Structure formats: C-alpha cells, structure tokens
C-alpha atoms as a PDB file:
ATOM      1  CA  UNK A   1      19.616  14.985  23.782  1.00  0.00           C
ATOM      2  CA  UNK A   2      17.129  16.643  26.136  1.00  0.00           C
ATOM      3  CA  UNK A   3      13.894  15.004  27.225  1.00  0.00           C
ATOM      4  CA  UNK A   4      11.976  17.454  25.023  1.00  0.00           C
ATOM      5  CA  UNK A   5      14.097  16.564  21.991  1.00  0.00           C
ATOM      6  CA  UNK A   6      13.528  12.861  22.636  1.00  0.00           C
ATOM      7  CA  UNK A   7       9.825  13.567  22.724  1.00  0.00           C
ATOM      8  CA  UNK A   8       9.913  15.586  19.504  1.00  0.00           C
ATOM      9  CA  UNK A   9      12.270  13.340  17.502  1.00  0.00           C
ATOM     10  CA  UNK A  10      11.193   9.716  17.395  1.00  0.00           C
ATOM     11  CA  UNK A  11      12.295   6.671  15.424  1.00  0.00           C
ATOM     12  CA  UNK A  12      10.617   3.269  15.163  1.00  0.00           C
ATOM     13  CA  UNK A  13      11.276  -0.062  13.506  1.00  0.00           C
ATOM     14  CA  UNK A  14       8.241  -1.614  11.839  1.00  0.00           C
ATOM     15  CA  UNK A  15       7.897  -5.262  12.821  1.00  0.00           C
ATOM     16  CA  UNK A  16       5.246  -7.944  12.523  1.00  0.00           C
ATOM     17  CA  UNK A  17       4.362  -7.486  16.192  1.00  0.00           C
ATOM     18  CA  UNK A  18       4.136  -3.695  15.979  1.00  0.00           C
ATOM     19  CA  UNK A  19       6.397  -0.640  16.030  1.00  0.00           C
ATOM     20  CA  UNK A  20       9.490  -0.845  18.213  1.00  0.00           C
ATOM     21  CA  UNK A  21      10.981   2.416  19.499  1.00  0.00           C
ATOM     22  CA  UNK A  22      14.635   2.962  18.605  1.00  0.00           C
ATOM     23  CA  UNK A  23      17.042   5.396  20.216  1.00  0.00           C
ATOM     24  CA  UNK A  24      17.711   8.317  17.841  1.00  0.00           C
ATOM     25  CA  UNK A  25      21.385   9.178  17.284  1.00  0.00           C
ATOM     26  CA  UNK A  26      22.620  11.804  19.759  1.00  0.00           C
ATOM     27  CA  UNK A  27      21.844  15.320  18.608  1.00  0.00           C
ATOM     28  CA  UNK A  28      19.557  14.246  15.758  1.00  0.00           C
ATOM     29  CA  UNK A  29      17.552  17.227  14.496  1.00  0.00           C
ATOM     30  CA  UNK A  30      16.505  16.096  11.036  1.00  0.00           C
ATOM     31  CA  UNK A  31      15.396  12.987   9.182  1.00  0.00           C
ATOM     32  CA  UNK A  32      18.822  12.822   7.550  1.00  0.00           C
ATOM     33  CA  UNK A  33      20.398  12.749  11.024  1.00  0.00           C
ATOM     34  CA  UNK A  34      18.116   9.879  12.045  1.00  0.00           C
ATOM     35  CA  UNK A  35      19.032   7.800   9.009  1.00  0.00           C
ATOM     36  CA  UNK A  36      22.755   8.525   9.006  1.00  0.00           C
ATOM     37  CA  UNK A  37      24.861   5.387   8.690  1.00  0.00           C
ATOM     38  CA  UNK A  38      22.039   3.238   7.334  1.00  0.00           C
ATOM     39  CA  UNK A  39      21.841   1.509   3.948  1.00  0.00           C
ATOM     40  CA  UNK A  40      19.520   4.067   2.385  1.00  0.00           C
ATOM     41  CA  UNK A  41      16.784   2.947   0.037  1.00  0.00           C
ATOM     42  CA  UNK A  42      13.423   4.501  -0.790  1.00  0.00           C
ATOM     43  CA  UNK A  43      11.167   6.658   1.327  1.00  0.00           C
ATOM     44  CA  UNK A  44       8.164   8.925   1.518  1.00  0.00           C
ATOM     45  CA  UNK A  45       7.589  11.983   3.681  1.00  0.00           C
ATOM     46  CA  UNK A  46       4.239  13.484   4.591  1.00  0.00           C
ATOM     47  CA  UNK A  47       2.381  15.217   7.394  1.00  0.00           C
ATOM     48  CA  UNK A  48      -0.433  14.212   9.698  1.00  0.00           C
ATOM     49  CA  UNK A  49      -3.769  15.895  10.260  1.00  0.00           C
ATOM     50  CA  UNK A  50      -5.617  15.684  13.599  1.00  0.00           C
ATOM     51  CA  UNK A  51      -2.926  13.421  15.089  1.00  0.00           C
ATOM     52  CA  UNK A  52      -3.465  10.279  12.985  1.00  0.00           C
ATOM     53  CA  UNK A  53      -5.046  11.221   9.672  1.00  0.00           C
ATOM     54  CA  UNK A  54      -3.202  11.323   6.350  1.00  0.00           C
ATOM     55  CA  UNK A  55      -3.770  12.717   2.896  1.00  0.00           C
ATOM     56  CA  UNK A  56      -3.446  10.139   0.108  1.00  0.00           C
ATOM     57  CA  UNK A  57      -1.461   7.663   2.201  1.00  0.00           C
ATOM     58  CA  UNK A  58      -2.372   4.979  -0.338  1.00  0.00           C
ATOM     59  CA  UNK A  59      -0.572   6.977  -3.024  1.00  0.00           C
ATOM     60  CA  UNK A  60       2.522   7.410  -0.834  1.00  0.00           C
ATOM     61  CA  UNK A  61       2.714   3.667  -0.213  1.00  0.00           C
ATOM     62  CA  UNK A  62       2.072   2.817  -3.860  1.00  0.00           C
ATOM     63  CA  UNK A  63       4.839   5.189  -4.980  1.00  0.00           C
ATOM     64  CA  UNK A  64       7.206   3.559  -2.489  1.00  0.00           C
ATOM     65  CA  UNK A  65       6.436   0.161  -3.975  1.00  0.00           C
ATOM     66  CA  UNK A  66       7.031   1.506  -7.504  1.00  0.00           C
ATOM     67  CA  UNK A  67      10.327   2.999  -6.375  1.00  0.00           C
ATOM     68  CA  UNK A  68      11.399  -0.379  -5.005  1.00  0.00           C
ATOM     69  CA  UNK A  69      10.484  -2.031  -8.296  1.00  0.00           C
ATOM     70  CA  UNK A  70      12.434   0.584 -10.285  1.00  0.00           C
ATOM     71  CA  UNK A  71      15.501  -0.282  -8.209  1.00  0.00           C
ATOM     72  CA  UNK A  72      15.013  -3.950  -9.041  1.00  0.00           C
ATOM     73  CA  UNK A  73      14.202  -5.043  -5.497  1.00  0.00           C
ATOM     74  CA  UNK A  74      12.244  -8.223  -4.825  1.00  0.00           C
ATOM     75  CA  UNK A  75      11.593  -7.209  -1.202  1.00  0.00           C
ATOM     76  CA  UNK A  76       7.903  -7.405  -0.277  1.00  0.00           C
ATOM     77  CA  UNK A  77       6.670  -4.520   1.850  1.00  0.00           C
ATOM     78  CA  UNK A  78       4.307  -5.558   4.656  1.00  0.00           C
ATOM     79  CA  UNK A  79       1.826  -2.767   4.022  1.00  0.00           C
ATOM     80  CA  UNK A  80      -0.497  -3.727   6.873  1.00  0.00           C
ATOM     81  CA  UNK A  81       2.364  -3.666   9.401  1.00  0.00           C
ATOM     82  CA  UNK A  82       3.408  -0.244   8.082  1.00  0.00           C
ATOM     83  CA  UNK A  83      -0.121   1.126   8.323  1.00  0.00           C
ATOM     84  CA  UNK A  84      -0.536  -0.203  11.856  1.00  0.00           C
ATOM     85  CA  UNK A  85       2.776   1.306  12.897  1.00  0.00           C
ATOM     86  CA  UNK A  86       1.894   4.694  11.399  1.00  0.00           C
ATOM     87  CA  UNK A  87      -1.465   4.677  13.142  1.00  0.00           C
ATOM     88  CA  UNK A  88      -0.023   3.705  16.521  1.00  0.00           C
ATOM     89  CA  UNK A  89       2.959   6.051  16.654  1.00  0.00           C
ATOM     90  CA  UNK A  90       1.141   9.062  15.192  1.00  0.00           C
ATOM     91  CA  UNK A  91      -1.826   8.601  17.531  1.00  0.00           C
ATOM     92  CA  UNK A  92       0.570   8.551  20.479  1.00  0.00           C
ATOM     93  CA  UNK A  93       2.684  11.507  19.317  1.00  0.00           C
ATOM     94  CA  UNK A  94       2.409  14.398  21.743  1.00  0.00           C
ATOM     95  CA  UNK A  95       1.793  17.019  19.060  1.00  0.00           C
ATOM     96  CA  UNK A  96      -1.480  17.216  17.101  1.00  0.00           C
ATOM     97  CA  UNK A  97       0.425  17.470  13.817  1.00  0.00           C
ATOM     98  CA  UNK A  98       3.666  15.738  12.873  1.00  0.00           C
ATOM     99  CA  UNK A  99       6.080  15.447  10.001  1.00  0.00           C
ATOM    100  CA  UNK A 100       6.391  11.742   9.168  1.00  0.00           C
ATOM    101  CA  UNK A 101       8.868   9.805   7.072  1.00  0.00           C
ATOM    102  CA  UNK A 102       8.855   6.084   6.388  1.00  0.00           C
ATOM    103  CA  UNK A 103      11.786   4.330   4.741  1.00  0.00           C
ATOM    104  CA  UNK A 104      12.340   0.943   3.199  1.00  0.00           C
ATOM    105  CA  UNK A 105      16.072   0.384   3.546  1.00  0.00           C
ATOM    106  CA  UNK A 106      18.384  -1.521   1.242  1.00  0.00           C
ATOM    107  CA  UNK A 107      19.527  -3.590   4.237  1.00  0.00           C
ATOM    108  CA  UNK A 108      18.316  -4.153   7.830  1.00  0.00           C
ATOM    109  CA  UNK A 109      19.011  -1.281  10.228  1.00  0.00           C
ATOM    110  CA  UNK A 110      21.317  -3.303  12.455  1.00  0.00           C
ATOM    111  CA  UNK A 111      23.277  -0.231  13.548  1.00  0.00           C
ATOM    112  CA  UNK A 112      19.997   0.865  15.163  1.00  0.00           C
ATOM    113  CA  UNK A 113      19.693  -2.515  16.891  1.00  0.00           C
ATOM    114  CA  UNK A 114      16.963  -3.940  14.667  1.00  0.00           C
ATOM    115  CA  UNK A 115      16.711  -6.418  11.823  1.00  0.00           C
ATOM    116  CA  UNK A 116      13.852  -4.459  10.269  1.00  0.00           C
ATOM    117  CA  UNK A 117      14.248  -2.775   6.897  1.00  0.00           C
ATOM    118  CA  UNK A 118      11.236  -0.504   7.438  1.00  0.00           C
ATOM    119  CA  UNK A 119      11.557   2.511   9.715  1.00  0.00           C
ATOM    120  CA  UNK A 120       9.166   5.307  10.674  1.00  0.00           C
ATOM    121  CA  UNK A 121      10.374   8.669  11.964  1.00  0.00           C
ATOM    122  CA  UNK A 122       8.419  11.542  13.514  1.00  0.00           C
ATOM    123  CA  UNK A 123       9.335  15.175  13.966  1.00  0.00           C
ATOM    124  CA  UNK A 124       7.456  18.406  14.631  1.00  0.00           C
ATOM    125  CA  UNK A 125       5.694  19.768  11.548  1.00  0.00           C
ATOM    126  CA  UNK A 126       6.501  23.350  10.572  1.00  0.00           C
ATOM    127  CA  UNK A 127       4.274  24.635   7.757  1.00  0.00           C
ATOM    128  CA  UNK A 128       5.010  27.687   5.633  1.00  0.00           C
ATOM    129  CA  UNK A 129       4.226  30.837   7.559  1.00  0.00           C
ATOM    130  CA  UNK A 130       1.063  32.852   6.835  1.00  0.00           C
ATOM    131  CA  UNK A 131       3.351  35.562   5.428  1.00  0.00           C
ATOM    132  CA  UNK A 132       4.817  33.124   2.901  1.00  0.00           C
ATOM    133  CA  UNK A 133       1.349  32.093   1.772  1.00  0.00           C
ATOM    134  CA  UNK A 134       0.137  35.692   1.577  1.00  0.00           C
ATOM    135  CA  UNK A 135       3.191  37.276  -0.042  1.00  0.00           C
ATOM    136  CA  UNK A 136       4.954  34.369  -1.773  1.00  0.00           C
ATOM    137  CA  UNK A 137       8.524  33.106  -1.641  1.00  0.00           C
ATOM    138  CA  UNK A 138      11.671  33.396  -3.709  1.00  0.00           C
ATOM    139  CA  UNK A 139      13.416  30.357  -5.156  1.00  0.00           C
ATOM    140  CA  UNK A 140      16.877  29.810  -6.555  1.00  0.00           C
ATOM    141  CA  UNK A 141      18.410  27.305  -8.963  1.00  0.00           C
ATOM    142  CA  UNK A 142      20.300  24.141  -7.987  1.00  0.00           C
ATOM    143  CA  UNK A 143      22.528  24.073 -11.039  1.00  0.00           C
ATOM    144  CA  UNK A 144      24.524  20.968 -10.123  1.00  0.00           C
ATOM    145  CA  UNK A 145      21.776  18.777  -8.673  1.00  0.00           C
ATOM    146  CA  UNK A 146      19.749  16.145 -10.539  1.00  0.00           C
ATOM    147  CA  UNK A 147      17.758  13.006  -9.845  1.00  0.00           C
ATOM    148  CA  UNK A 148      19.377   9.888 -11.281  1.00  0.00           C
ATOM    149  CA  UNK A 149      16.002   8.145 -11.396  1.00  0.00           C
ATOM    150  CA  UNK A 150      13.270  10.815 -11.421  1.00  0.00           C
ATOM    151  CA  UNK A 151      10.421   8.344 -10.838  1.00  0.00           C
ATOM    152  CA  UNK A 152      12.067   6.662  -7.847  1.00  0.00           C
ATOM    153  CA  UNK A 153      11.975   8.524  -4.534  1.00  0.00           C
ATOM    154  CA  UNK A 154      15.364   7.473  -3.201  1.00  0.00           C
ATOM    155  CA  UNK A 155      16.895   8.608   0.062  1.00  0.00           C
ATOM    156  CA  UNK A 156      20.314   9.270  -1.472  1.00  0.00           C
ATOM    157  CA  UNK A 157      18.804  12.289  -3.253  1.00  0.00           C
ATOM    158  CA  UNK A 158      17.566  13.591   0.107  1.00  0.00           C
ATOM    159  CA  UNK A 159      21.188  13.510   1.270  1.00  0.00           C
ATOM    160  CA  UNK A 160      22.518  15.153  -1.903  1.00  0.00           C
ATOM    161  CA  UNK A 161      20.075  18.068  -1.668  1.00  0.00           C
ATOM    162  CA  UNK A 162      21.312  19.037   1.799  1.00  0.00           C
ATOM    163  CA  UNK A 163      23.688  21.538   0.216  1.00  0.00           C
ATOM    164  CA  UNK A 164      20.565  23.390  -0.897  1.00  0.00           C
ATOM    165  CA  UNK A 165      18.659  23.725   2.399  1.00  0.00           C
ATOM    166  CA  UNK A 166      15.008  24.455   1.640  1.00  0.00           C
ATOM    167  CA  UNK A 167      13.055  26.836   3.821  1.00  0.00           C
ATOM    168  CA  UNK A 168      16.083  27.974   5.831  1.00  0.00           C
ATOM    169  CA  UNK A 169      17.522  30.852   3.828  1.00  0.00           C
ATOM    170  CA  UNK A 170      16.271  34.371   4.439  1.00  0.00           C
ATOM    171  CA  UNK A 171      16.195  35.161   0.733  1.00  0.00           C
ATOM    172  CA  UNK A 172      15.719  31.757  -0.911  1.00  0.00           C
ATOM    173  CA  UNK A 173      13.021  29.369   0.277  1.00  0.00           C
ATOM    174  CA  UNK A 174      13.558  26.514  -2.209  1.00  0.00           C
ATOM    175  CA  UNK A 175      15.784  25.582  -5.131  1.00  0.00           C
ATOM    176  CA  UNK A 176      14.655  24.410  -8.557  1.00  0.00           C
ATOM    177  CA  UNK A 177      16.287  21.707 -10.643  1.00  0.00           C
ATOM    178  CA  UNK A 178      16.768  22.307 -14.375  1.00  0.00           C
ATOM    179  CA  UNK A 179      17.716  19.930 -17.160  1.00  0.00           C
ATOM    180  CA  UNK A 180      20.696  20.368 -19.466  1.00  0.00           C
ATOM    181  CA  UNK A 181      18.613  22.472 -21.853  1.00  0.00           C
ATOM    182  CA  UNK A 182      17.584  24.883 -19.112  1.00  0.00           C
ATOM    183  CA  UNK A 183      14.011  23.720 -18.583  1.00  0.00           C
ATOM    184  CA  UNK A 184      12.780  24.044 -14.991  1.00  0.00           C
ATOM    185  CA  UNK A 185      11.781  20.615 -13.676  1.00  0.00           C
ATOM    186  CA  UNK A 186      10.955  20.646  -9.965  1.00  0.00           C
ATOM    187  CA  UNK A 187      12.175  21.798  -6.571  1.00  0.00           C
ATOM    188  CA  UNK A 188      14.503  19.813  -4.346  1.00  0.00           C
ATOM    189  CA  UNK A 189      11.444  18.781  -2.317  1.00  0.00           C
ATOM    190  CA  UNK A 190       8.541  20.196  -4.323  1.00  0.00           C
ATOM    191  CA  UNK A 191       6.940  20.263  -7.751  1.00  0.00           C
ATOM    192  CA  UNK A 192       6.966  23.493  -9.756  1.00  0.00           C
ATOM    193  CA  UNK A 193       4.362  25.233 -11.921  1.00  0.00           C
ATOM    194  CA  UNK A 194       4.402  28.345 -14.059  1.00  0.00           C
ATOM    195  CA  UNK A 195       1.287  30.267 -15.105  1.00  0.00           C
ATOM    196  CA  UNK A 196       1.145  32.230 -18.345  1.00  0.00           C
ATOM    197  CA  UNK A 197      -2.008  33.808 -19.804  1.00  0.00           C
ATOM    198  CA  UNK A 198      -4.252  31.662 -17.628  1.00  0.00           C
ATOM    199  CA  UNK A 199      -2.545  28.368 -18.517  1.00  0.00           C
ATOM    200  CA  UNK A 200      -0.614  26.294 -15.970  1.00  0.00           C
ATOM    201  CA  UNK A 201       2.628  24.713 -17.187  1.00  0.00           C
ATOM    202  CA  UNK A 202       4.549  21.974 -15.386  1.00  0.00           C
ATOM    203  CA  UNK A 203       7.096  19.397 -16.506  1.00  0.00           C
ATOM    204  CA  UNK A 204       5.475  16.221 -17.770  1.00  0.00           C
ATOM    205  CA  UNK A 205       8.565  14.045 -17.495  1.00  0.00           C
ATOM    206  CA  UNK A 206      11.913  13.942 -15.756  1.00  0.00           C
ATOM    207  CA  UNK A 207      10.328  14.761 -12.384  1.00  0.00           C
ATOM    208  CA  UNK A 208       9.190  12.894  -9.300  1.00  0.00           C
ATOM    209  CA  UNK A 209       5.514  11.985  -9.298  1.00  0.00           C
ATOM    210  CA  UNK A 210       4.637  14.150  -6.312  1.00  0.00           C
ATOM    211  CA  UNK A 211       1.544  13.176  -4.366  1.00  0.00           C
ATOM    212  CA  UNK A 212       0.388  16.788  -4.048  1.00  0.00           C
ATOM    213  CA  UNK A 213       1.191  17.222  -7.740  1.00  0.00           C
ATOM    214  CA  UNK A 214      -1.249  14.411  -8.492  1.00  0.00           C
ATOM    215  CA  UNK A 215      -3.947  16.283  -6.570  1.00  0.00           C
ATOM    216  CA  UNK A 216      -3.111  19.552  -8.335  1.00  0.00           C
ATOM    217  CA  UNK A 217      -3.336  17.951 -11.775  1.00  0.00           C
ATOM    218  CA  UNK A 218      -6.773  16.596 -10.842  1.00  0.00           C
ATOM    219  CA  UNK A 219      -8.024  19.884  -9.383  1.00  0.00           C
ATOM    220  CA  UNK A 220      -7.021  22.196 -12.233  1.00  0.00           C
ATOM    221  CA  UNK A 221      -9.517  20.782 -14.786  1.00  0.00           C
ATOM    222  CA  UNK A 222     -12.235  20.943 -12.131  1.00  0.00           C
ATOM    223  CA  UNK A 223     -11.462  24.647 -11.740  1.00  0.00           C
ATOM    224  CA  UNK A 224     -11.591  25.141 -15.498  1.00  0.00           C
ATOM    225  CA  UNK A 225      -7.887  26.055 -15.620  1.00  0.00           C
ATOM    226  CA  UNK A 226      -6.023  24.835 -18.731  1.00  0.00           C
ATOM    227  CA  UNK A 227      -3.006  22.632 -18.037  1.00  0.00           C
ATOM    228  CA  UNK A 228      -0.027  21.776 -20.211  1.00  0.00           C
ATOM    229  CA  UNK A 229       2.538  19.172 -19.204  1.00  0.00           C
ATOM    230  CA  UNK A 230       5.374  21.258 -20.580  1.00  0.00           C
ATOM    231  CA  UNK A 231       8.315  22.557 -18.579  1.00  0.00           C
ATOM    232  CA  UNK A 232       9.011  26.283 -18.367  1.00  0.00           C
ATOM    233  CA  UNK A 233      12.419  27.329 -19.706  1.00  0.00           C
ATOM    234  CA  UNK A 234      14.679  29.592 -17.672  1.00  0.00           C
ATOM    235  CA  UNK A 235      14.495  32.154 -20.480  1.00  0.00           C
ATOM    236  CA  UNK A 236      10.690  32.257 -20.073  1.00  0.00           C
ATOM    237  CA  UNK A 237      10.629  33.308 -16.416  1.00  0.00           C
ATOM    238  CA  UNK A 238       9.967  36.898 -17.442  1.00  0.00           C
ATOM    239  CA  UNK A 239       6.857  35.835 -19.369  1.00  0.00           C
ATOM    240  CA  UNK A 240       5.178  34.188 -16.371  1.00  0.00           C
ATOM    241  CA  UNK A 241       2.245  35.793 -14.598  1.00  0.00           C
ATOM    242  CA  UNK A 242       2.453  33.445 -11.597  1.00  0.00           C
ATOM    243  CA  UNK A 243       4.502  30.532 -10.308  1.00  0.00           C
ATOM    244  CA  UNK A 244       3.749  27.922  -7.673  1.00  0.00           C
ATOM    245  CA  UNK A 245       5.256  25.129  -5.612  1.00  0.00           C
ATOM    246  CA  UNK A 246       3.409  22.097  -4.295  1.00  0.00           C
ATOM    247  CA  UNK A 247       4.386  19.508  -1.728  1.00  0.00           C
ATOM    248  CA  UNK A 248       3.041  17.362   1.070  1.00  0.00           C
ATOM    249  CA  UNK A 249       4.371  19.758   3.712  1.00  0.00           C
ATOM    250  CA  UNK A 250       3.849  22.979   1.786  1.00  0.00           C
ATOM    251  CA  UNK A 251       0.435  22.477   0.150  1.00  0.00           C
ATOM    252  CA  UNK A 252       0.324  25.183  -2.564  1.00  0.00           C
ATOM    253  CA  UNK A 253       2.843  27.986  -2.130  1.00  0.00           C
ATOM    254  CA  UNK A 254       3.171  31.019  -4.453  1.00  0.00           C
ATOM    255  CA  UNK A 255       6.550  31.899  -5.946  1.00  0.00           C
ATOM    256  CA  UNK A 256       7.215  35.583  -6.613  1.00  0.00           C
ATOM    257  CA  UNK A 257      10.867  35.453  -7.714  1.00  0.00           C
ATOM    258  CA  UNK A 258      13.034  32.860  -9.462  1.00  0.00           C
ATOM    259  CA  UNK A 259      16.817  33.172  -9.339  1.00  0.00           C
ATOM    260  CA  UNK A 260      16.485  36.872  -8.592  1.00  0.00           C
ATOM    261  CA  UNK A 261      13.990  37.536 -11.381  1.00  0.00           C
ATOM    262  CA  UNK A 262      10.540  38.804 -10.378  1.00  0.00           C
ATOM    263  CA  UNK A 263       7.576  36.692 -11.469  1.00  0.00           C
ATOM    264  CA  UNK A 264       4.658  38.714 -12.844  1.00  0.00           C
ATOM    265  CA  UNK A 265       3.948  41.712 -10.649  1.00  0.00           C
ATOM    266  CA  UNK A 266       5.838  40.208  -7.719  1.00  0.00           C
ATOM    267  CA  UNK A 267       2.703  39.176  -5.858  1.00  0.00           C
ATOM    268  CA  UNK A 268       0.717  35.909  -5.634  1.00  0.00           C
ATOM    269  CA  UNK A 269      -1.863  35.612  -8.385  1.00  0.00           C
ATOM    270  CA  UNK A 270      -5.496  34.531  -8.722  1.00  0.00           C
ATOM    271  CA  UNK A 271      -4.940  31.021 -10.047  1.00  0.00           C
ATOM    272  CA  UNK A 272      -2.698  30.147  -7.124  1.00  0.00           C
ATOM    273  CA  UNK A 273      -5.256  31.494  -4.664  1.00  0.00           C
ATOM    274  CA  UNK A 274      -8.096  29.523  -6.287  1.00  0.00           C
ATOM    275  CA  UNK A 275      -5.996  26.384  -6.345  1.00  0.00           C
ATOM    276  CA  UNK A 276      -5.048  26.698  -2.666  1.00  0.00           C
ATOM    277  CA  UNK A 277      -8.693  27.138  -1.657  1.00  0.00           C
ATOM    278  CA  UNK A 278      -9.707  24.086  -3.685  1.00  0.00           C
ATOM    279  CA  UNK A 279      -6.811  22.098  -2.236  1.00  0.00           C
ATOM    280  CA  UNK A 280      -7.760  22.986   1.341  1.00  0.00           C
ATOM    281  CA  UNK A 281     -11.357  21.930   0.686  1.00  0.00           C
ATOM    282  CA  UNK A 282     -10.105  18.675  -0.837  1.00  0.00           C
ATOM    283  CA  UNK A 283      -7.912  17.971   2.183  1.00  0.00           C
ATOM    284  CA  UNK A 284     -10.777  18.536   4.613  1.00  0.00           C
ATOM    285  CA  UNK A 285     -12.903  16.002   2.724  1.00  0.00           C
ATOM    286  CA  UNK A 286     -10.203  13.418   2.023  1.00  0.00           C
ATOM    287  CA  UNK A 287      -7.886  12.883   5.016  1.00  0.00           C
ATOM    288  CA  UNK A 288      -8.224   9.422   6.580  1.00  0.00           C
ATOM    289  CA  UNK A 289      -6.504   7.336   9.275  1.00  0.00           C
ATOM    290  CA  UNK A 290      -3.890   4.805   8.186  1.00  0.00           C
ATOM    291  CA  UNK A 291      -6.159   2.040   9.451  1.00  0.00           C
ATOM    292  CA  UNK A 292      -9.869   2.203   8.702  1.00  0.00           C
ATOM    293  CA  UNK A 293     -12.664  -0.168   9.593  1.00  0.00           C
END
C-alpha cells in the first residue's frame, strides 16, 4: 500500500485511553476490505462536514445500540470513548470531508492486534456528482437480496450486498430490494421513495430506519407534502411522477428509471428539488462535532 493510500484509508481501535491506529490489510480499498476476517457485528456509516462535524450522530449511535439489543447482546458500548475517538481521528484526517464507519464487533478484533470490539474506519468521501443530482440516476432490482433483520444494521448485510455494487455501474447507480409480493422496500444502502400526484410513498415496515430517512419524514410535513408509509409495488412504477433515494452519503438523489422503466417524464421533479433544498438548509443548521462543550 502506498503512502497516499495509507493516508486515505485509516483504521482505529476505540479504547478507554483513546483511539489506537491499526495497520489496514494490504491493498484495502473499501470498508469491507478493512473488516475482512473479523467477527462482524453492527455498524453505522456516515460522512463528516468541515473535518469533524456530523449530522445526527446521536441517531447513528442510538440505532447502533438498538441493533445490538435486537441481536441479544449484553455488551455495553462506551459512547463517550467512541465520540472522543471520532472527534480525534476526524479532526486529524488530512481531507476536509471523510466517509466514516464505526463498528461494534461480535468479538474483539484480535487479528488486527487489538482486544477492542469497537473500530472506526476513515476513507475519502465521494458524493454523487452534480450531473447525478441534476439529471437523476437509474436503479435496478436486487431480486435475491433481503435483510434478515430489517431494523438491525448488521455488517453481514454489507458483505452480502457486494454483488450489487452501488454507484459503480455506468447504467445502474443503486439496486432496490423488494419483498415477496413485489413491493419496493429500500436500496442496498439507501431508502426509497415514490411520488404520485403530489404524495410521497415509502415503505413503513420491513426496512432499515435510515438516519436520512428520519430527516426526510420530518421535513415533508414542514413542506406541506403529504406522506404515506406505504411501499410502491413494482407494477406501479409507471404511475410514479418522481422517485428518490436518501442516504447519509447521498443526501437526496432523484431516480429517473427503475429496472429499465422510465419514472415520470424521465427528469427530476419539483418535490425532490424542494426536499433537497430543505435538507441542505437543515444540514447547515444542524451539523455538530462529536464532542461538544
């Protein structure tokens, strides 16, 4: 691994005395590479703002604790140690914005020479391009992929979804999961919304409680946009006027085609644009450091 790669890709163990740098596996280019060979557990992934500020970090940590409880763990997360580690390593990161993942493992990461079960990883953050935001993206369907526990954000799902690489295909940016009845649930790393006659539809159950989704569900009523927690069926794609994705790394991203079928007029719509503007304003007002006075 080159010196630049070592600078870009960083891994730390969270300990009571502070974060301890760990050597990433040779050739690691992704979070999955960094965590290969470990006893995977639960995790959260998010981005930084202005080096060391986060959006809804409290919600990310709370969801991690709920995920641990859903798995039946009695392990107690040292939240203060995690916050201190996030603040220290993100402040020191050489890029002004980073992609961050923190994991609580099922067992200590001894193969990485630490007894800690809590790891923090940093990588460069690559947002959707301005063209994607302006013109929208196409998504496909992951017909054989499902979350075993939709409310628990488990790292084994992150491994399983690797056969559907998001954001890397020229024609397909993301893949949507559907239930056995054909209702569209969520993306492999995003939440999904359909818009029909001015009403936003999104699955109310069977999906991960996305942190950006929580913000979206709060913003829509403030914008006067009706919301229904009902999943869109595959057969209803042709009736949609707009479709959207949301995620911690993607903000609000318009979808203009689903599984080869054009959504609406094939261009981003007004509700998505209003929602993105409101979201950006919310972010500017809400981001905070991991540690505050």
